[in-house]
N, C-alpha and C. Protein backbone atom coordinates (compact mmCIF):
# COMPACT_ATOMS: atom_id res chain seq x y z
N MET A 1 107.25 15.00 143.42
CA MET A 1 106.67 16.03 144.24
C MET A 1 107.76 16.68 145.08
N GLU A 2 107.66 17.99 145.26
CA GLU A 2 108.62 18.68 146.10
C GLU A 2 108.38 18.27 147.55
N THR A 3 109.47 18.14 148.31
CA THR A 3 109.31 17.72 149.69
C THR A 3 109.00 18.88 150.62
N ASN A 4 108.94 20.11 150.11
CA ASN A 4 108.65 21.23 150.98
C ASN A 4 107.17 21.58 151.02
N ILE A 5 106.32 20.77 150.42
CA ILE A 5 104.89 21.05 150.46
C ILE A 5 104.12 19.84 150.96
N MET A 6 102.94 20.10 151.47
CA MET A 6 102.00 19.04 151.83
C MET A 6 100.73 19.31 151.03
N GLN A 7 100.14 18.25 150.52
CA GLN A 7 98.87 18.37 149.82
C GLN A 7 97.85 17.50 150.52
N SER A 8 96.61 17.95 150.51
CA SER A 8 95.54 17.13 151.07
C SER A 8 94.27 17.34 150.26
N GLY A 9 93.48 16.32 150.25
CA GLY A 9 92.18 16.39 149.61
C GLY A 9 91.24 15.44 150.31
N TYR A 10 89.99 15.81 150.41
CA TYR A 10 89.03 14.92 151.05
C TYR A 10 87.69 15.01 150.36
N THR A 11 86.90 13.99 150.56
CA THR A 11 85.52 13.99 150.13
C THR A 11 84.71 13.40 151.28
N ILE A 12 83.53 13.94 151.47
CA ILE A 12 82.63 13.45 152.51
C ILE A 12 81.43 12.82 151.83
N LEU A 13 81.28 11.53 152.02
CA LEU A 13 80.16 10.79 151.44
C LEU A 13 79.08 10.70 152.52
N THR A 14 78.21 11.70 152.57
CA THR A 14 77.25 11.81 153.66
C THR A 14 76.29 10.61 153.71
N GLN A 15 75.87 10.11 152.56
CA GLN A 15 74.95 8.97 152.55
C GLN A 15 75.61 7.70 153.07
N ARG A 16 76.93 7.63 152.98
CA ARG A 16 77.69 6.47 153.47
C ARG A 16 78.30 6.72 154.85
N GLU A 17 78.13 7.96 155.33
CA GLU A 17 78.72 8.37 156.62
C GLU A 17 80.22 8.05 156.64
N LEU A 18 80.91 8.55 155.60
CA LEU A 18 82.30 8.21 155.38
C LEU A 18 83.06 9.43 154.86
N VAL A 19 84.26 9.62 155.42
CA VAL A 19 85.18 10.66 154.95
C VAL A 19 86.39 9.94 154.36
N ILE A 20 86.77 10.30 153.15
CA ILE A 20 87.97 9.75 152.52
C ILE A 20 88.93 10.91 152.29
N GLU A 21 90.15 10.75 152.79
CA GLU A 21 91.13 11.82 152.68
C GLU A 21 92.45 11.26 152.17
N VAL A 22 93.15 12.08 151.41
CA VAL A 22 94.48 11.73 150.92
C VAL A 22 95.44 12.81 151.39
N LEU A 23 96.53 12.39 152.03
CA LEU A 23 97.61 13.29 152.42
C LEU A 23 98.86 12.90 151.66
N SER A 24 99.63 13.89 151.23
CA SER A 24 100.90 13.58 150.56
C SER A 24 101.88 14.71 150.83
N GLY A 25 103.15 14.38 150.65
CA GLY A 25 104.20 15.37 150.85
C GLY A 25 104.68 15.41 152.28
N ARG A 26 105.24 16.54 152.65
CA ARG A 26 105.87 16.72 153.95
C ARG A 26 104.83 17.14 154.99
N VAL A 27 104.53 16.26 155.92
CA VAL A 27 103.51 16.50 156.93
C VAL A 27 104.18 16.94 158.23
N SER A 28 103.76 18.11 158.72
CA SER A 28 104.25 18.61 160.00
C SER A 28 103.05 18.84 160.92
N LEU A 29 103.32 19.07 162.19
CA LEU A 29 102.26 19.26 163.17
C LEU A 29 101.36 20.45 162.81
N ASN A 30 101.94 21.58 162.49
CA ASN A 30 101.12 22.77 162.17
C ASN A 30 100.26 22.55 160.93
N LYS A 31 100.83 21.89 159.93
CA LYS A 31 100.06 21.65 158.70
C LYS A 31 98.91 20.68 158.95
N ILE A 32 99.16 19.65 159.75
CA ILE A 32 98.10 18.67 159.99
C ILE A 32 97.01 19.28 160.87
N LYS A 33 97.37 20.13 161.83
CA LYS A 33 96.35 20.81 162.64
C LYS A 33 95.46 21.69 161.77
N THR A 34 96.07 22.45 160.87
CA THR A 34 95.31 23.32 159.99
C THR A 34 94.41 22.49 159.07
N ASP A 35 94.96 21.40 158.54
CA ASP A 35 94.19 20.51 157.67
C ASP A 35 92.98 19.95 158.41
N ARG A 36 93.19 19.49 159.64
CA ARG A 36 92.09 18.94 160.44
C ARG A 36 91.03 20.00 160.72
N ASP A 37 91.48 21.20 161.08
CA ASP A 37 90.52 22.26 161.39
C ASP A 37 89.66 22.60 160.18
N LEU A 38 90.25 22.62 158.99
CA LEU A 38 89.48 22.87 157.77
C LEU A 38 88.46 21.76 157.52
N LEU A 39 88.86 20.52 157.72
CA LEU A 39 87.94 19.40 157.55
C LEU A 39 86.81 19.49 158.57
N TYR A 40 87.14 19.72 159.82
CA TYR A 40 86.13 19.75 160.88
C TYR A 40 85.15 20.91 160.73
N CYS A 41 85.53 21.95 159.99
CA CYS A 41 84.64 23.09 159.75
C CYS A 41 83.72 22.86 158.56
N ASP A 42 83.98 21.82 157.78
CA ASP A 42 83.14 21.53 156.62
C ASP A 42 81.72 21.23 157.09
N LYS A 43 80.73 21.87 156.48
CA LYS A 43 79.34 21.70 156.91
C LYS A 43 78.85 20.25 156.78
N ASN A 44 79.48 19.45 155.94
CA ASN A 44 79.07 18.05 155.77
C ASN A 44 79.80 17.09 156.71
N PHE A 45 80.78 17.59 157.44
CA PHE A 45 81.53 16.73 158.35
C PHE A 45 80.68 16.40 159.57
N HIS A 46 80.73 15.15 159.98
CA HIS A 46 80.08 14.72 161.22
C HIS A 46 81.10 13.89 161.98
N PRO A 47 81.30 14.18 163.27
CA PRO A 47 82.37 13.51 164.03
C PRO A 47 82.20 12.00 164.21
N GLU A 48 81.04 11.46 163.90
CA GLU A 48 80.85 10.02 164.03
C GLU A 48 81.10 9.26 162.73
N TYR A 49 81.32 9.97 161.63
CA TYR A 49 81.56 9.30 160.35
C TYR A 49 82.87 8.53 160.42
N LYS A 50 82.89 7.38 159.75
CA LYS A 50 84.14 6.64 159.58
C LYS A 50 85.09 7.49 158.73
N MET A 51 86.38 7.32 158.97
CA MET A 51 87.37 8.05 158.19
C MET A 51 88.38 7.09 157.60
N ILE A 52 88.75 7.36 156.35
CA ILE A 52 89.84 6.66 155.69
C ILE A 52 90.84 7.73 155.30
N ILE A 53 92.09 7.55 155.72
CA ILE A 53 93.13 8.53 155.41
C ILE A 53 94.27 7.79 154.71
N ASP A 54 94.50 8.14 153.45
CA ASP A 54 95.57 7.54 152.66
C ASP A 54 96.85 8.32 152.93
N THR A 55 97.82 7.66 153.54
CA THR A 55 99.10 8.31 153.89
C THR A 55 100.28 7.66 153.17
N ARG A 56 100.02 6.96 152.09
CA ARG A 56 101.10 6.22 151.42
C ARG A 56 102.16 7.12 150.81
N ASN A 57 101.83 8.37 150.53
CA ASN A 57 102.80 9.29 149.92
C ASN A 57 103.18 10.42 150.87
N VAL A 58 103.22 10.11 152.15
CA VAL A 58 103.54 11.10 153.17
C VAL A 58 104.99 10.97 153.59
N GLU A 59 105.61 12.11 153.75
CA GLU A 59 106.94 12.20 154.36
C GLU A 59 106.68 12.82 155.75
N MET A 60 106.69 11.98 156.77
CA MET A 60 106.27 12.40 158.11
C MET A 60 107.36 13.20 158.81
N HIS A 61 106.98 14.37 159.29
CA HIS A 61 107.88 15.22 160.06
C HIS A 61 107.22 15.55 161.40
N LEU A 62 106.79 14.50 162.07
CA LEU A 62 106.19 14.60 163.39
C LEU A 62 106.99 13.71 164.34
N SER A 63 107.38 14.26 165.45
CA SER A 63 108.03 13.43 166.47
C SER A 63 106.94 12.72 167.26
N LEU A 64 107.31 11.71 168.02
CA LEU A 64 106.34 11.00 168.85
C LEU A 64 105.72 11.94 169.88
N SER A 65 106.49 12.87 170.40
CA SER A 65 105.93 13.81 171.38
C SER A 65 104.94 14.76 170.70
N GLU A 66 105.20 15.17 169.45
CA GLU A 66 104.25 16.01 168.72
C GLU A 66 102.97 15.23 168.42
N LEU A 67 103.10 13.96 168.04
CA LEU A 67 101.93 13.13 167.80
C LEU A 67 101.12 13.02 169.09
N SER A 68 101.79 12.80 170.21
CA SER A 68 101.12 12.71 171.50
C SER A 68 100.40 14.01 171.83
N ASP A 69 101.09 15.14 171.64
CA ASP A 69 100.47 16.45 171.90
C ASP A 69 99.24 16.66 171.03
N TYR A 70 99.35 16.27 169.77
CA TYR A 70 98.23 16.45 168.87
C TYR A 70 97.03 15.59 169.27
N LEU A 71 97.27 14.34 169.62
CA LEU A 71 96.18 13.46 170.02
C LEU A 71 95.55 13.92 171.34
N ASN A 72 96.35 14.47 172.24
CA ASN A 72 95.80 15.05 173.47
C ASN A 72 94.96 16.30 173.16
N TYR A 73 95.42 17.09 172.20
CA TYR A 73 94.67 18.26 171.73
C TYR A 73 93.30 17.81 171.21
N LEU A 74 93.27 16.74 170.42
CA LEU A 74 92.01 16.24 169.89
C LEU A 74 91.10 15.72 170.99
N ALA A 75 91.68 15.08 172.00
CA ALA A 75 90.89 14.50 173.08
C ALA A 75 90.08 15.55 173.82
N ASN A 76 90.51 16.80 173.78
CA ASN A 76 89.81 17.88 174.47
C ASN A 76 88.84 18.64 173.58
N ARG A 77 88.56 18.12 172.40
CA ARG A 77 87.65 18.80 171.47
C ARG A 77 86.43 17.92 171.22
N ASP A 78 85.47 17.98 172.12
CA ASP A 78 84.28 17.15 172.05
C ASP A 78 83.48 17.35 170.77
N ASN A 79 83.53 18.55 170.21
CA ASN A 79 82.75 18.83 169.01
C ASN A 79 83.27 18.11 167.77
N ILE A 80 84.51 17.61 167.82
CA ILE A 80 85.05 16.92 166.64
C ILE A 80 85.43 15.48 166.91
N ILE A 81 85.51 15.12 168.18
CA ILE A 81 85.91 13.76 168.52
C ILE A 81 84.75 13.06 169.21
N GLN A 82 84.17 12.13 168.49
CA GLN A 82 83.13 11.27 169.05
C GLN A 82 83.48 9.86 168.64
N SER A 83 82.71 8.92 169.09
CA SER A 83 82.98 7.52 168.80
C SER A 83 82.97 7.28 167.30
N ARG A 84 84.10 6.82 166.77
CA ARG A 84 84.19 6.54 165.35
C ARG A 84 85.37 5.61 165.09
N GLU A 85 85.43 5.15 163.86
CA GLU A 85 86.53 4.30 163.41
C GLU A 85 87.32 5.08 162.35
N THR A 86 88.64 5.00 162.45
CA THR A 86 89.51 5.68 161.50
C THR A 86 90.52 4.67 160.97
N ALA A 87 90.61 4.58 159.66
CA ALA A 87 91.55 3.67 159.01
C ALA A 87 92.59 4.46 158.24
N PHE A 88 93.83 4.03 158.36
CA PHE A 88 94.93 4.62 157.60
C PHE A 88 95.37 3.62 156.55
N ILE A 89 95.50 4.08 155.31
CA ILE A 89 96.13 3.27 154.27
C ILE A 89 97.56 3.77 154.21
N THR A 90 98.50 2.88 154.42
CA THR A 90 99.90 3.27 154.50
C THR A 90 100.76 2.21 153.84
N THR A 91 102.05 2.44 153.81
CA THR A 91 102.95 1.46 153.23
C THR A 91 103.12 0.30 154.22
N LYS A 92 103.47 -0.86 153.71
CA LYS A 92 103.61 -2.04 154.58
C LYS A 92 104.61 -1.83 155.70
N GLU A 93 105.74 -1.18 155.40
CA GLU A 93 106.76 -1.01 156.44
C GLU A 93 106.34 -0.02 157.51
N PHE A 94 105.37 0.86 157.22
CA PHE A 94 104.92 1.84 158.20
C PHE A 94 103.65 1.39 158.91
N GLN A 95 102.99 0.34 158.41
CA GLN A 95 101.69 -0.08 158.91
C GLN A 95 101.73 -0.45 160.40
N GLU A 96 102.61 -1.35 160.80
CA GLU A 96 102.67 -1.80 162.19
C GLU A 96 103.15 -0.71 163.15
N PRO A 97 104.22 0.04 162.83
CA PRO A 97 104.63 1.10 163.76
C PRO A 97 103.55 2.17 163.97
N LEU A 98 102.83 2.54 162.91
CA LEU A 98 101.77 3.53 163.04
C LEU A 98 100.66 3.01 163.93
N LEU A 99 100.22 1.79 163.68
CA LEU A 99 99.14 1.21 164.48
C LEU A 99 99.57 1.10 165.94
N PHE A 100 100.81 0.70 166.19
CA PHE A 100 101.33 0.59 167.55
C PHE A 100 101.22 1.93 168.28
N GLU A 101 101.62 3.01 167.61
CA GLU A 101 101.57 4.34 168.23
C GLU A 101 100.13 4.79 168.45
N LEU A 102 99.27 4.58 167.46
CA LEU A 102 97.88 5.03 167.57
C LEU A 102 97.11 4.27 168.65
N LYS A 103 97.38 2.98 168.79
CA LYS A 103 96.68 2.16 169.78
C LYS A 103 96.94 2.65 171.20
N LYS A 104 98.06 3.31 171.42
CA LYS A 104 98.37 3.85 172.75
C LYS A 104 97.33 4.88 173.19
N TYR A 105 96.65 5.52 172.23
CA TYR A 105 95.74 6.61 172.54
C TYR A 105 94.28 6.20 172.51
N GLU A 106 93.99 4.95 172.22
CA GLU A 106 92.60 4.54 172.16
C GLU A 106 91.90 4.64 173.51
N ASN A 107 92.63 4.58 174.61
CA ASN A 107 92.01 4.73 175.92
C ASN A 107 91.63 6.18 176.20
N ASN A 108 92.33 7.14 175.56
CA ASN A 108 92.06 8.56 175.78
C ASN A 108 91.09 9.13 174.75
N LEU A 109 90.92 8.45 173.65
CA LEU A 109 90.06 8.93 172.57
C LEU A 109 88.99 7.88 172.25
N PRO A 110 87.79 8.30 171.89
CA PRO A 110 86.76 7.33 171.52
C PRO A 110 86.87 6.88 170.07
N ILE A 111 88.10 6.79 169.59
CA ILE A 111 88.36 6.41 168.20
C ILE A 111 89.06 5.06 168.17
N HIS A 112 88.60 4.20 167.29
CA HIS A 112 89.29 2.92 167.06
C HIS A 112 90.08 3.05 165.78
N PHE A 113 91.38 2.78 165.87
CA PHE A 113 92.28 2.95 164.73
C PHE A 113 92.57 1.61 164.05
N TYR A 114 92.69 1.66 162.73
CA TYR A 114 93.04 0.50 161.92
C TYR A 114 94.07 0.95 160.88
N THR A 115 94.92 0.04 160.45
CA THR A 115 95.85 0.34 159.36
C THR A 115 95.75 -0.74 158.30
N PHE A 116 95.90 -0.32 157.06
CA PHE A 116 95.88 -1.22 155.91
C PHE A 116 96.99 -0.81 154.96
N SER A 117 97.53 -1.78 154.25
CA SER A 117 98.57 -1.46 153.27
C SER A 117 98.05 -1.53 151.84
N ASP A 118 96.74 -1.77 151.68
CA ASP A 118 96.16 -1.78 150.34
C ASP A 118 94.69 -1.37 150.40
N THR A 119 94.19 -0.85 149.30
CA THR A 119 92.82 -0.35 149.27
C THR A 119 91.78 -1.47 149.29
N GLY A 120 92.15 -2.64 148.81
CA GLY A 120 91.20 -3.76 148.82
C GLY A 120 90.82 -4.15 150.24
N SER A 121 91.81 -4.28 151.12
CA SER A 121 91.54 -4.61 152.52
C SER A 121 90.73 -3.51 153.20
N CYS A 122 91.06 -2.28 152.88
CA CYS A 122 90.35 -1.15 153.47
C CYS A 122 88.90 -1.12 152.98
N ALA A 123 88.67 -1.39 151.71
CA ALA A 123 87.30 -1.42 151.17
C ALA A 123 86.48 -2.51 151.86
N ASN A 124 87.10 -3.66 152.15
CA ASN A 124 86.39 -4.73 152.86
C ASN A 124 86.03 -4.30 154.28
N TRP A 125 86.89 -3.53 154.91
CA TRP A 125 86.66 -3.05 156.27
C TRP A 125 85.43 -2.14 156.35
N ILE A 126 85.15 -1.40 155.28
CA ILE A 126 84.04 -0.45 155.27
C ILE A 126 82.69 -1.16 155.44
N HIS A 127 82.57 -2.37 154.95
CA HIS A 127 81.32 -3.14 155.01
C HIS A 127 80.19 -2.44 154.27
N ASP A 128 80.50 -1.85 153.13
CA ASP A 128 79.50 -1.20 152.29
C ASP A 128 79.77 -1.66 150.86
N LYS A 129 78.87 -2.45 150.33
CA LYS A 129 79.08 -3.04 149.00
C LYS A 129 79.20 -1.99 147.89
N THR A 130 78.73 -0.77 148.14
CA THR A 130 78.82 0.27 147.12
C THR A 130 80.20 0.92 147.09
N ILE A 131 81.04 0.64 148.08
CA ILE A 131 82.41 1.17 148.11
C ILE A 131 83.36 -0.01 147.88
N SER A 132 83.62 -0.29 146.63
CA SER A 132 84.51 -1.39 146.27
C SER A 132 85.95 -0.89 146.23
N LYS A 133 86.88 -1.80 146.04
CA LYS A 133 88.29 -1.43 145.88
C LYS A 133 88.43 -0.44 144.72
N ASN A 134 87.77 -0.73 143.60
CA ASN A 134 87.86 0.15 142.43
C ASN A 134 87.29 1.54 142.71
N THR A 135 86.17 1.59 143.42
CA THR A 135 85.58 2.88 143.78
C THR A 135 86.52 3.66 144.68
N LEU A 136 87.08 3.00 145.68
CA LEU A 136 88.02 3.65 146.59
C LEU A 136 89.26 4.13 145.84
N ASP A 137 89.78 3.29 144.95
CA ASP A 137 90.94 3.69 144.13
C ASP A 137 90.64 4.92 143.28
N GLU A 138 89.45 4.96 142.69
CA GLU A 138 89.06 6.11 141.85
C GLU A 138 88.97 7.39 142.68
N ILE A 139 88.38 7.30 143.86
CA ILE A 139 88.27 8.48 144.73
C ILE A 139 89.65 8.96 145.15
N ILE A 140 90.50 8.03 145.56
CA ILE A 140 91.86 8.39 145.98
C ILE A 140 92.65 9.00 144.82
N PHE A 141 92.52 8.45 143.63
CA PHE A 141 93.20 8.99 142.45
C PHE A 141 92.75 10.43 142.20
N ARG A 142 91.44 10.66 142.24
CA ARG A 142 90.90 12.01 142.01
C ARG A 142 91.40 13.00 143.05
N LEU A 143 91.41 12.58 144.32
CA LEU A 143 91.87 13.48 145.39
C LEU A 143 93.37 13.74 145.31
N THR A 144 94.13 12.76 144.82
CA THR A 144 95.57 12.93 144.67
C THR A 144 95.87 13.91 143.54
N LYS A 145 95.15 13.78 142.44
CA LYS A 145 95.39 14.65 141.28
C LYS A 145 94.83 16.06 141.46
N ASN A 146 93.80 16.19 142.29
CA ASN A 146 93.16 17.49 142.51
C ASN A 146 93.02 17.76 144.01
N PRO A 147 94.14 18.04 144.68
CA PRO A 147 94.07 18.25 146.13
C PRO A 147 93.23 19.48 146.49
N THR A 148 92.59 19.41 147.63
CA THR A 148 91.79 20.53 148.13
C THR A 148 92.68 21.64 148.66
N HIS A 149 93.78 21.25 149.33
CA HIS A 149 94.67 22.21 149.97
C HIS A 149 96.13 21.88 149.66
N ILE A 150 96.93 22.93 149.55
CA ILE A 150 98.37 22.78 149.36
C ILE A 150 99.07 23.71 150.34
N TRP A 151 99.97 23.14 151.15
CA TRP A 151 100.74 23.93 152.09
C TRP A 151 102.18 24.00 151.61
N PHE A 152 102.76 25.17 151.67
CA PHE A 152 104.13 25.36 151.23
C PHE A 152 105.06 25.41 152.44
N LYS A 153 106.36 25.35 152.17
CA LYS A 153 107.35 25.36 153.24
C LYS A 153 107.21 26.62 154.10
N THR A 154 106.98 27.72 153.45
CA THR A 154 106.72 28.98 154.15
C THR A 154 105.34 29.46 153.74
N PRO A 155 104.73 30.35 154.49
CA PRO A 155 103.38 30.79 154.12
C PRO A 155 103.32 31.35 152.70
N ASN A 156 102.30 30.94 151.98
CA ASN A 156 102.06 31.40 150.63
C ASN A 156 101.44 32.78 150.68
N SER A 157 101.88 33.70 149.82
CA SER A 157 101.38 35.07 149.86
C SER A 157 99.89 35.16 149.50
N LEU A 158 99.36 34.19 148.77
CA LEU A 158 97.95 34.22 148.39
C LEU A 158 97.06 33.62 149.46
N THR A 159 97.46 32.48 150.02
CA THR A 159 96.60 31.76 150.95
C THR A 159 96.94 31.98 152.40
N GLY A 160 98.19 32.33 152.69
CA GLY A 160 98.62 32.45 154.07
C GLY A 160 99.04 31.13 154.68
N PHE A 161 98.88 30.03 153.94
CA PHE A 161 99.27 28.70 154.45
C PHE A 161 100.66 28.36 153.98
């Protein structure tokens, strides 16, 4: 994958009250804000749904101050931030540092953060027997192969992103 693009895809399982999202490529603050805004505008999105975000193929281009600014931005948006649980699937070496940074904001946000380095552990966390490791893997594979959005290094003449 080219490192000058970010791809994202999500599915909202309304009956399970669950959002599954896959991010890959070069993630920057502006791209993640736009991605979040598109998700939050989806008519099926509900701010109390659990979220699973697969970040195993992300090249992060966010400084700690940008992450802090973004989380503070979210804290002021009552229409999209309500009490919920959010899990990140990430690489083992990134799992602890990410959780450490996210836990700093749990007092400012009504979100409880979790990190997992494999889909099996994440599937167990969901506590829904209909979402097995295999089901989660299939959804993630589909979202990876068919992303909903693609952001380029510079704005694309067709999409403006």
